[in-house]
Amino acid sequence: MNDQVKETKEAPEIIRGRMPVAVVYMVRFGNMKNESTKAKADKFGTTVGKIDDIVKGRNFGYVTEAFRPTQEQKDQALEWFKRHPHYDKQNVDVLVNELEAIPLATPEEAAAFEAARSAARGQTPKTKTGETADAGGGNRRRKSKKASNEAEATQADALLA
């Protein structure tokens, strides 16, 4: 028998929730774009995997170098930075200053970006009720009983036909 007890891994101290598009823009095209993935993850208060996915274009493909945030998107990014687990220890002010220096989008640019985001099925960092949305975790979702019952019924109908 194995007498060793499996160590529980602590959850990383990161900002939870969906990353605002203005922060995604800063990760991909900002002043830290040439830094290491680990350095960016620490600075932005997220995981190496999320930074790597953003840099390699696996997600947020609709955020291009031509992106300009609206004031609402900048506000969402500021709220994101304020939830940073090491807000006082790290120099997050550098990121806040960089965010404030990005010019605002014109109404036409904002509409074009929103159309591109919708076409790519991009999500927003807030739910319809205005609460911070979860960051996803699609592989952690459990199969619902309703879906499995419907699948069984469909299979049974196919066999009877």
N, C-alpha and C. Protein backbone atom coordinates (compact mmCIF):
# COMPACT_ATOMS: atom_id res chain seq x y z
N MET A 1 0.83 -1.19 0.00
CA MET A 1 0.00 0.00 0.00
C MET A 1 0.86 1.24 0.00
N ASN A 2 0.33 2.28 -0.56
CA ASN A 2 1.05 3.55 -0.63
C ASN A 2 0.71 4.38 0.61
N ASP A 3 1.71 4.60 1.48
CA ASP A 3 1.50 5.34 2.72
C ASP A 3 1.67 6.84 2.55
N GLN A 4 2.12 7.25 1.38
CA GLN A 4 2.33 8.67 1.16
C GLN A 4 1.00 9.36 0.91
N VAL A 5 0.88 10.53 1.50
CA VAL A 5 -0.32 11.33 1.30
C VAL A 5 -0.03 12.33 0.20
N LYS A 6 -0.95 12.41 -0.74
CA LYS A 6 -0.77 13.33 -1.86
C LYS A 6 -0.90 14.77 -1.36
N GLU A 7 0.09 15.58 -1.71
CA GLU A 7 0.06 16.99 -1.31
C GLU A 7 -1.01 17.73 -2.09
N THR A 8 -1.71 18.59 -1.38
CA THR A 8 -2.68 19.42 -2.07
C THR A 8 -1.97 20.66 -2.57
N LYS A 9 -2.25 20.99 -3.79
CA LYS A 9 -1.61 22.14 -4.41
C LYS A 9 -2.45 23.38 -4.12
N GLU A 10 -1.81 24.42 -3.63
CA GLU A 10 -2.52 25.66 -3.35
C GLU A 10 -2.90 26.36 -4.65
N ALA A 11 -4.07 26.95 -4.65
CA ALA A 11 -4.51 27.72 -5.81
C ALA A 11 -3.63 28.96 -5.92
N PRO A 12 -3.22 29.32 -7.14
CA PRO A 12 -2.37 30.51 -7.28
C PRO A 12 -3.12 31.77 -6.86
N GLU A 13 -2.38 32.72 -6.36
CA GLU A 13 -2.96 33.98 -5.94
C GLU A 13 -3.04 34.88 -7.17
N ILE A 14 -4.21 34.87 -7.81
CA ILE A 14 -4.41 35.61 -9.05
C ILE A 14 -5.71 36.38 -8.99
N ILE A 15 -5.92 37.22 -9.99
CA ILE A 15 -7.19 37.93 -10.12
C ILE A 15 -8.16 36.95 -10.79
N ARG A 16 -9.28 36.72 -10.18
CA ARG A 16 -10.28 35.80 -10.71
C ARG A 16 -11.25 36.56 -11.61
N GLY A 17 -11.81 35.87 -12.57
CA GLY A 17 -12.80 36.46 -13.46
C GLY A 17 -12.26 36.67 -14.85
N ARG A 18 -13.12 37.06 -15.76
CA ARG A 18 -12.73 37.29 -17.15
C ARG A 18 -11.86 38.53 -17.27
N MET A 19 -10.84 38.42 -18.07
CA MET A 19 -9.91 39.53 -18.26
C MET A 19 -10.52 40.57 -19.21
N PRO A 20 -10.52 41.83 -18.84
CA PRO A 20 -11.04 42.88 -19.72
C PRO A 20 -10.19 43.01 -20.99
N VAL A 21 -10.81 43.40 -22.08
CA VAL A 21 -10.10 43.48 -23.36
C VAL A 21 -9.00 44.53 -23.35
N ALA A 22 -9.14 45.58 -22.57
CA ALA A 22 -8.07 46.59 -22.50
C ALA A 22 -6.82 45.98 -21.88
N VAL A 23 -6.99 45.10 -20.91
CA VAL A 23 -5.84 44.42 -20.29
C VAL A 23 -5.24 43.43 -21.29
N VAL A 24 -6.09 42.75 -22.04
CA VAL A 24 -5.60 41.83 -23.08
C VAL A 24 -4.75 42.59 -24.09
N TYR A 25 -5.21 43.75 -24.49
CA TYR A 25 -4.45 44.58 -25.43
C TYR A 25 -3.08 44.93 -24.85
N MET A 26 -3.05 45.27 -23.55
CA MET A 26 -1.79 45.63 -22.92
C MET A 26 -0.84 44.43 -22.83
N VAL A 27 -1.39 43.24 -22.59
CA VAL A 27 -0.56 42.03 -22.55
C VAL A 27 0.06 41.77 -23.91
N ARG A 28 -0.76 41.88 -24.95
CA ARG A 28 -0.31 41.53 -26.29
C ARG A 28 0.52 42.63 -26.96
N PHE A 29 0.15 43.89 -26.77
CA PHE A 29 0.79 44.97 -27.53
C PHE A 29 1.37 46.08 -26.66
N GLY A 30 1.27 45.98 -25.35
CA GLY A 30 1.69 47.04 -24.45
C GLY A 30 3.20 47.10 -24.24
N ASN A 31 3.60 47.90 -23.26
CA ASN A 31 5.02 48.11 -22.98
C ASN A 31 5.74 46.85 -22.53
N MET A 32 5.00 45.88 -22.00
CA MET A 32 5.62 44.64 -21.52
C MET A 32 5.59 43.53 -22.55
N LYS A 33 5.25 43.83 -23.80
CA LYS A 33 5.08 42.78 -24.80
C LYS A 33 6.34 41.94 -25.02
N ASN A 34 7.51 42.46 -24.75
CA ASN A 34 8.75 41.71 -24.95
C ASN A 34 9.26 41.03 -23.69
N GLU A 35 8.53 41.16 -22.58
CA GLU A 35 8.93 40.52 -21.33
C GLU A 35 8.62 39.02 -21.40
N SER A 36 9.17 38.27 -20.45
CA SER A 36 8.90 36.84 -20.39
C SER A 36 7.45 36.61 -19.97
N THR A 37 6.95 35.43 -20.29
CA THR A 37 5.57 35.09 -19.95
C THR A 37 5.37 35.11 -18.44
N LYS A 38 6.32 34.59 -17.69
CA LYS A 38 6.23 34.57 -16.23
C LYS A 38 6.20 35.98 -15.66
N ALA A 39 7.06 36.87 -16.19
CA ALA A 39 7.09 38.25 -15.71
C ALA A 39 5.75 38.94 -15.97
N LYS A 40 5.18 38.71 -17.14
CA LYS A 40 3.88 39.30 -17.47
C LYS A 40 2.79 38.75 -16.57
N ALA A 41 2.81 37.44 -16.33
CA ALA A 41 1.79 36.82 -15.48
C ALA A 41 1.84 37.41 -14.07
N ASP A 42 3.04 37.58 -13.53
CA ASP A 42 3.17 38.16 -12.19
C ASP A 42 2.68 39.61 -12.18
N LYS A 43 3.06 40.36 -13.19
CA LYS A 43 2.71 41.78 -13.24
C LYS A 43 1.20 41.98 -13.41
N PHE A 44 0.57 41.14 -14.26
CA PHE A 44 -0.85 41.30 -14.53
C PHE A 44 -1.72 40.53 -13.55
N GLY A 45 -1.11 39.78 -12.63
CA GLY A 45 -1.89 39.08 -11.61
C GLY A 45 -2.70 37.92 -12.14
N THR A 46 -2.14 37.18 -13.09
CA THR A 46 -2.85 36.04 -13.67
C THR A 46 -1.89 34.88 -13.82
N THR A 47 -2.32 33.85 -14.52
CA THR A 47 -1.49 32.65 -14.68
C THR A 47 -0.66 32.72 -15.95
N VAL A 48 0.39 31.93 -15.97
CA VAL A 48 1.26 31.84 -17.14
C VAL A 48 0.47 31.32 -18.34
N GLY A 49 -0.42 30.37 -18.09
CA GLY A 49 -1.22 29.79 -19.18
C GLY A 49 -2.10 30.82 -19.86
N LYS A 50 -2.73 31.68 -19.09
CA LYS A 50 -3.60 32.70 -19.68
C LYS A 50 -2.78 33.69 -20.51
N ILE A 51 -1.62 34.09 -19.98
CA ILE A 51 -0.76 35.02 -20.73
C ILE A 51 -0.28 34.36 -22.01
N ASP A 52 0.13 33.10 -21.91
CA ASP A 52 0.62 32.37 -23.08
C ASP A 52 -0.46 32.26 -24.15
N ASP A 53 -1.69 31.96 -23.73
CA ASP A 53 -2.80 31.87 -24.67
C ASP A 53 -3.06 33.21 -25.37
N ILE A 54 -2.96 34.30 -24.62
CA ILE A 54 -3.19 35.63 -25.20
C ILE A 54 -2.10 35.96 -26.20
N VAL A 55 -0.83 35.76 -25.80
CA VAL A 55 0.30 36.12 -26.65
C VAL A 55 0.29 35.30 -27.94
N LYS A 56 -0.03 34.02 -27.84
CA LYS A 56 -0.02 33.14 -29.01
C LYS A 56 -1.29 33.23 -29.83
N GLY A 57 -2.26 34.03 -29.38
CA GLY A 57 -3.48 34.25 -30.15
C GLY A 57 -4.48 33.11 -30.06
N ARG A 58 -4.41 32.30 -29.02
CA ARG A 58 -5.37 31.20 -28.86
C ARG A 58 -6.73 31.71 -28.41
N ASN A 59 -6.76 32.87 -27.83
CA ASN A 59 -8.02 33.48 -27.44
C ASN A 59 -7.90 35.00 -27.62
N PHE A 60 -9.01 35.67 -27.57
CA PHE A 60 -9.06 37.13 -27.78
C PHE A 60 -8.46 37.52 -29.13
N GLY A 61 -8.69 36.72 -30.15
CA GLY A 61 -8.16 37.01 -31.48
C GLY A 61 -8.70 38.30 -32.07
N TYR A 62 -9.84 38.75 -31.60
CA TYR A 62 -10.45 39.98 -32.11
C TYR A 62 -9.79 41.23 -31.54
N VAL A 63 -8.89 41.09 -30.56
CA VAL A 63 -8.17 42.25 -30.02
C VAL A 63 -6.89 42.40 -30.84
N THR A 64 -6.91 43.38 -31.74
CA THR A 64 -5.77 43.60 -32.62
C THR A 64 -4.99 44.84 -32.18
N GLU A 65 -3.91 45.11 -32.86
CA GLU A 65 -3.10 46.28 -32.51
C GLU A 65 -3.85 47.59 -32.76
N ALA A 66 -4.86 47.56 -33.61
CA ALA A 66 -5.65 48.75 -33.91
C ALA A 66 -6.70 49.03 -32.84
N PHE A 67 -6.85 48.15 -31.86
CA PHE A 67 -7.86 48.29 -30.81
C PHE A 67 -7.65 49.58 -30.01
N ARG A 68 -8.75 50.27 -29.75
CA ARG A 68 -8.77 51.43 -28.85
C ARG A 68 -9.94 51.22 -27.91
N PRO A 69 -9.72 51.31 -26.61
CA PRO A 69 -10.80 51.03 -25.66
C PRO A 69 -11.77 52.20 -25.51
N THR A 70 -12.98 51.86 -25.13
CA THR A 70 -13.95 52.88 -24.74
C THR A 70 -13.67 53.23 -23.27
N GLN A 71 -14.32 54.25 -22.77
CA GLN A 71 -14.12 54.62 -21.36
C GLN A 71 -14.60 53.49 -20.45
N GLU A 72 -15.69 52.84 -20.83
CA GLU A 72 -16.20 51.72 -20.04
C GLU A 72 -15.18 50.58 -19.97
N GLN A 73 -14.52 50.28 -21.09
CA GLN A 73 -13.50 49.23 -21.11
C GLN A 73 -12.29 49.61 -20.26
N LYS A 74 -11.93 50.89 -20.28
CA LYS A 74 -10.84 51.35 -19.42
C LYS A 74 -11.23 51.22 -17.94
N ASP A 75 -12.47 51.55 -17.62
CA ASP A 75 -12.95 51.43 -16.24
C ASP A 75 -12.92 49.97 -15.78
N GLN A 76 -13.31 49.06 -16.68
CA GLN A 76 -13.26 47.63 -16.35
C GLN A 76 -11.82 47.18 -16.10
N ALA A 77 -10.88 47.69 -16.88
CA ALA A 77 -9.47 47.34 -16.69
C ALA A 77 -8.95 47.90 -15.37
N LEU A 78 -9.33 49.12 -15.04
CA LEU A 78 -8.92 49.70 -13.75
C LEU A 78 -9.46 48.88 -12.57
N GLU A 79 -10.70 48.45 -12.69
CA GLU A 79 -11.30 47.60 -11.66
C GLU A 79 -10.52 46.29 -11.54
N TRP A 80 -10.10 45.75 -12.68
CA TRP A 80 -9.30 44.51 -12.71
C TRP A 80 -7.99 44.72 -11.95
N PHE A 81 -7.30 45.81 -12.24
CA PHE A 81 -6.02 46.08 -11.58
C PHE A 81 -6.20 46.30 -10.07
N LYS A 82 -7.31 46.89 -9.66
CA LYS A 82 -7.54 47.13 -8.23
C LYS A 82 -7.76 45.83 -7.46
N ARG A 83 -8.12 44.77 -8.15
CA ARG A 83 -8.29 43.46 -7.50
C ARG A 83 -7.00 42.65 -7.51
N HIS A 84 -5.90 43.24 -7.99
CA HIS A 84 -4.61 42.54 -8.06
C HIS A 84 -4.22 42.06 -6.66
N PRO A 85 -3.83 40.78 -6.49
CA PRO A 85 -3.52 40.28 -5.16
C PRO A 85 -2.31 40.96 -4.51
N HIS A 86 -1.44 41.54 -5.29
CA HIS A 86 -0.26 42.23 -4.76
C HIS A 86 -0.28 43.69 -5.19
N TYR A 87 -1.46 44.30 -5.14
CA TYR A 87 -1.64 45.66 -5.63
C TYR A 87 -0.66 46.64 -4.98
N ASP A 88 -0.44 46.50 -3.68
CA ASP A 88 0.45 47.42 -2.97
C ASP A 88 1.92 47.04 -3.11
N LYS A 89 2.21 45.75 -3.21
CA LYS A 89 3.60 45.29 -3.26
C LYS A 89 4.23 45.53 -4.63
N GLN A 90 3.48 45.25 -5.69
CA GLN A 90 4.02 45.44 -7.04
C GLN A 90 3.67 46.83 -7.53
N ASN A 91 4.42 47.27 -8.51
CA ASN A 91 4.18 48.60 -9.05
C ASN A 91 3.10 48.52 -10.14
N VAL A 92 1.87 48.34 -9.72
CA VAL A 92 0.74 48.25 -10.65
C VAL A 92 0.45 49.62 -11.25
N ASP A 93 0.94 50.68 -10.60
CA ASP A 93 0.73 52.03 -11.13
C ASP A 93 1.28 52.18 -12.54
N VAL A 94 2.35 51.46 -12.85
CA VAL A 94 2.93 51.51 -14.20
C VAL A 94 1.89 51.04 -15.22
N LEU A 95 1.17 49.97 -14.88
CA LEU A 95 0.14 49.46 -15.79
C LEU A 95 -1.05 50.42 -15.88
N VAL A 96 -1.42 51.00 -14.74
CA VAL A 96 -2.53 51.96 -14.73
C VAL A 96 -2.18 53.18 -15.59
N ASN A 97 -0.96 53.68 -15.46
CA ASN A 97 -0.53 54.83 -16.27
C ASN A 97 -0.51 54.48 -17.75
N GLU A 98 -0.05 53.27 -18.07
CA GLU A 98 -0.04 52.84 -19.47
C GLU A 98 -1.46 52.76 -20.02
N LEU A 99 -2.37 52.22 -19.22
CA LEU A 99 -3.77 52.12 -19.63
C LEU A 99 -4.36 53.51 -19.90
N GLU A 100 -4.09 54.45 -19.00
CA GLU A 100 -4.64 55.80 -19.16
C GLU A 100 -4.07 56.52 -20.37
N ALA A 101 -2.88 56.11 -20.82
CA ALA A 101 -2.25 56.75 -21.98
C ALA A 101 -2.82 56.24 -23.31
N ILE A 102 -3.54 55.13 -23.29
CA ILE A 102 -4.12 54.60 -24.54
C ILE A 102 -5.27 55.51 -24.94
N PRO A 103 -5.26 56.00 -26.19
CA PRO A 103 -6.34 56.89 -26.62
C PRO A 103 -7.69 56.18 -26.67
N LEU A 104 -8.75 56.92 -26.41
CA LEU A 104 -10.10 56.35 -26.44
C LEU A 104 -10.56 56.11 -27.87
N ALA A 105 -11.45 55.14 -28.01
CA ALA A 105 -12.01 54.81 -29.32
C ALA A 105 -13.05 55.83 -29.73
N THR A 106 -13.13 56.06 -31.02
CA THR A 106 -14.22 56.86 -31.56
C THR A 106 -15.47 55.98 -31.56
N PRO A 107 -16.64 56.56 -31.68
CA PRO A 107 -17.85 55.72 -31.73
C PRO A 107 -17.82 54.69 -32.87
N GLU A 108 -17.23 55.07 -34.00
CA GLU A 108 -17.13 54.14 -35.13
C GLU A 108 -16.19 52.97 -34.80
N GLU A 109 -15.04 53.29 -34.17
CA GLU A 109 -14.09 52.24 -33.78
C GLU A 109 -14.71 51.31 -32.73
N ALA A 110 -15.44 51.89 -31.80
CA ALA A 110 -16.09 51.08 -30.76
C ALA A 110 -17.13 50.15 -31.37
N ALA A 111 -17.91 50.66 -32.32
CA ALA A 111 -18.93 49.83 -32.98
C ALA A 111 -18.29 48.72 -33.80
N ALA A 112 -17.19 49.03 -34.50
CA ALA A 112 -16.50 48.02 -35.29
C ALA A 112 -15.90 46.94 -34.39
N PHE A 113 -15.33 47.35 -33.25
CA PHE A 113 -14.77 46.36 -32.32
C PHE A 113 -15.86 45.48 -31.74
N GLU A 114 -16.97 46.08 -31.36
CA GLU A 114 -18.07 45.31 -30.78
C GLU A 114 -18.62 44.31 -31.79
N ALA A 115 -18.68 44.70 -33.06
CA ALA A 115 -19.13 43.78 -34.09
C ALA A 115 -18.15 42.62 -34.24
N ALA A 116 -16.84 42.91 -34.21
CA ALA A 116 -15.82 41.86 -34.31
C ALA A 116 -15.87 40.95 -33.08
N ARG A 117 -16.08 41.52 -31.91
CA ARG A 117 -16.17 40.73 -30.69
C ARG A 117 -17.38 39.80 -30.73
N SER A 118 -18.51 40.32 -31.15
CA SER A 118 -19.72 39.52 -31.24
C SER A 118 -19.57 38.40 -32.27
N ALA A 119 -18.95 38.73 -33.41
CA ALA A 119 -18.75 37.71 -34.45
C ALA A 119 -17.84 36.59 -33.97
N ALA A 120 -16.88 36.93 -33.11
CA ALA A 120 -15.94 35.94 -32.58
C ALA A 120 -16.48 35.27 -31.31
N ARG A 121 -17.70 35.64 -30.93
CA ARG A 121 -18.35 35.14 -29.71
C ARG A 121 -17.53 35.45 -28.46
N GLY A 122 -16.91 36.62 -28.48
CA GLY A 122 -16.13 37.06 -27.33
C GLY A 122 -17.05 37.44 -26.19
N GLN A 123 -16.60 37.16 -24.97
CA GLN A 123 -17.40 37.44 -23.80
C GLN A 123 -16.98 38.74 -23.15
N THR A 124 -17.86 39.27 -22.35
CA THR A 124 -17.56 40.49 -21.62
C THR A 124 -17.19 40.15 -20.18
N PRO A 125 -16.44 41.03 -19.48
CA PRO A 125 -16.03 40.71 -18.11
C PRO A 125 -17.14 40.84 -17.07
N LYS A 126 -18.30 41.29 -17.47
CA LYS A 126 -19.43 41.43 -16.55
C LYS A 126 -20.59 40.56 -17.03
N THR A 127 -21.40 40.09 -16.10
CA THR A 127 -22.61 39.37 -16.46
C THR A 127 -23.70 40.38 -16.80
N LYS A 128 -24.84 39.89 -17.23
CA LYS A 128 -25.94 40.79 -17.58
C LYS A 128 -26.44 41.58 -16.37
N THR A 129 -26.23 41.02 -15.18
CA THR A 129 -26.66 41.71 -13.96
C THR A 129 -25.61 42.68 -13.44
N GLY A 130 -24.44 42.74 -14.11
CA GLY A 130 -23.39 43.68 -13.72
C GLY A 130 -22.36 43.11 -12.77
N GLU A 131 -22.46 41.83 -12.45
CA GLU A 131 -21.49 41.19 -11.56
C GLU A 131 -20.28 40.72 -12.36
N THR A 132 -19.15 40.53 -11.67
CA THR A 132 -17.95 40.01 -12.33
C THR A 132 -18.21 38.58 -12.77
N ALA A 133 -17.93 38.29 -14.03
CA ALA A 133 -18.19 36.97 -14.58
C ALA A 133 -17.05 36.01 -14.25
N ASP A 134 -17.38 34.74 -14.16
CA ASP A 134 -16.34 33.72 -13.96
C ASP A 134 -15.45 33.68 -15.19
N ALA A 135 -14.24 33.14 -15.00
CA ALA A 135 -13.27 33.13 -16.08
C ALA A 135 -13.43 31.94 -17.02
N GLY A 136 -14.44 31.16 -16.85
CA GLY A 136 -14.63 30.04 -17.77
C GLY A 136 -14.47 28.72 -17.06
N GLY A 137 -13.49 27.95 -17.47
CA GLY A 137 -13.31 26.63 -16.88
C GLY A 137 -14.24 25.62 -17.49
N GLY A 138 -14.39 25.68 -18.81
CA GLY A 138 -15.30 24.78 -19.50
C GLY A 138 -15.01 23.31 -19.26
N ASN A 139 -13.77 22.96 -19.03
CA ASN A 139 -13.45 21.56 -18.81
C ASN A 139 -13.81 21.11 -17.40
N ARG A 140 -14.24 22.01 -16.55
CA ARG A 140 -14.63 21.66 -15.19
C ARG A 140 -16.14 21.53 -15.05
N ARG A 141 -16.87 21.79 -16.10
CA ARG A 141 -18.32 21.72 -16.01
C ARG A 141 -18.76 20.27 -15.96
N ARG A 142 -19.75 20.02 -15.17
CA ARG A 142 -20.28 18.67 -15.06
C ARG A 142 -21.42 18.50 -16.05
N LYS A 143 -21.59 17.29 -16.48
CA LYS A 143 -22.66 16.97 -17.41
C LYS A 143 -23.99 17.11 -16.67
N SER A 144 -24.91 17.82 -17.25
CA SER A 144 -26.20 18.01 -16.59
C SER A 144 -27.08 16.78 -16.82
N LYS A 145 -27.95 16.53 -15.86
CA LYS A 145 -28.85 15.38 -15.97
C LYS A 145 -29.82 15.58 -17.12
N LYS A 146 -30.24 16.80 -17.33
CA LYS A 146 -31.19 17.09 -18.40
C LYS A 146 -30.57 16.76 -19.75
N ALA A 147 -29.33 17.17 -19.97
CA ALA A 147 -28.66 16.90 -21.24
C ALA A 147 -28.47 15.41 -21.45
N SER A 148 -28.10 14.67 -20.40
CA SER A 148 -27.89 13.24 -20.56
C SER A 148 -29.21 12.52 -20.81
N ASN A 149 -30.30 12.96 -20.16
CA ASN A 149 -31.61 12.36 -20.40
C ASN A 149 -32.08 12.60 -21.82
N GLU A 150 -31.83 13.82 -22.35
CA GLU A 150 -32.20 14.14 -23.72
C GLU A 150 -31.38 13.31 -24.70
N ALA A 151 -30.10 13.11 -24.41
CA ALA A 151 -29.25 12.31 -25.29
C ALA A 151 -29.70 10.86 -25.29
N GLU A 152 -30.08 10.32 -24.13
CA GLU A 152 -30.57 8.95 -24.06
C GLU A 152 -31.88 8.81 -24.83
N ALA A 153 -32.76 9.79 -24.72
CA ALA A 153 -34.04 9.75 -25.43
C ALA A 153 -33.80 9.80 -26.93
N THR A 154 -32.85 10.61 -27.38
CA THR A 154 -32.53 10.70 -28.81
C THR A 154 -31.97 9.38 -29.31
N GLN A 155 -31.12 8.75 -28.53
CA GLN A 155 -30.54 7.46 -28.91
C GLN A 155 -31.63 6.40 -28.97
N ALA A 156 -32.56 6.41 -28.01
CA ALA A 156 -33.63 5.44 -28.00
C ALA A 156 -34.53 5.63 -29.21
N ASP A 157 -34.84 6.89 -29.55
CA ASP A 157 -35.67 7.16 -30.73
C ASP A 157 -34.98 6.69 -32.00
N ALA A 158 -33.66 6.86 -32.07
CA ALA A 158 -32.91 6.43 -33.26
C ALA A 158 -32.94 4.92 -33.39
N LEU A 159 -32.88 4.20 -32.28
CA LEU A 159 -32.93 2.74 -32.33
C LEU A 159 -34.30 2.21 -32.74
N LEU A 160 -35.34 2.93 -32.31
CA LEU A 160 -36.70 2.50 -32.62
C LEU A 160 -37.08 2.82 -34.06
N ALA A 161 -36.43 3.77 -34.66
CA ALA A 161 -36.79 4.21 -36.02
C ALA A 161 -36.29 3.25 -37.07
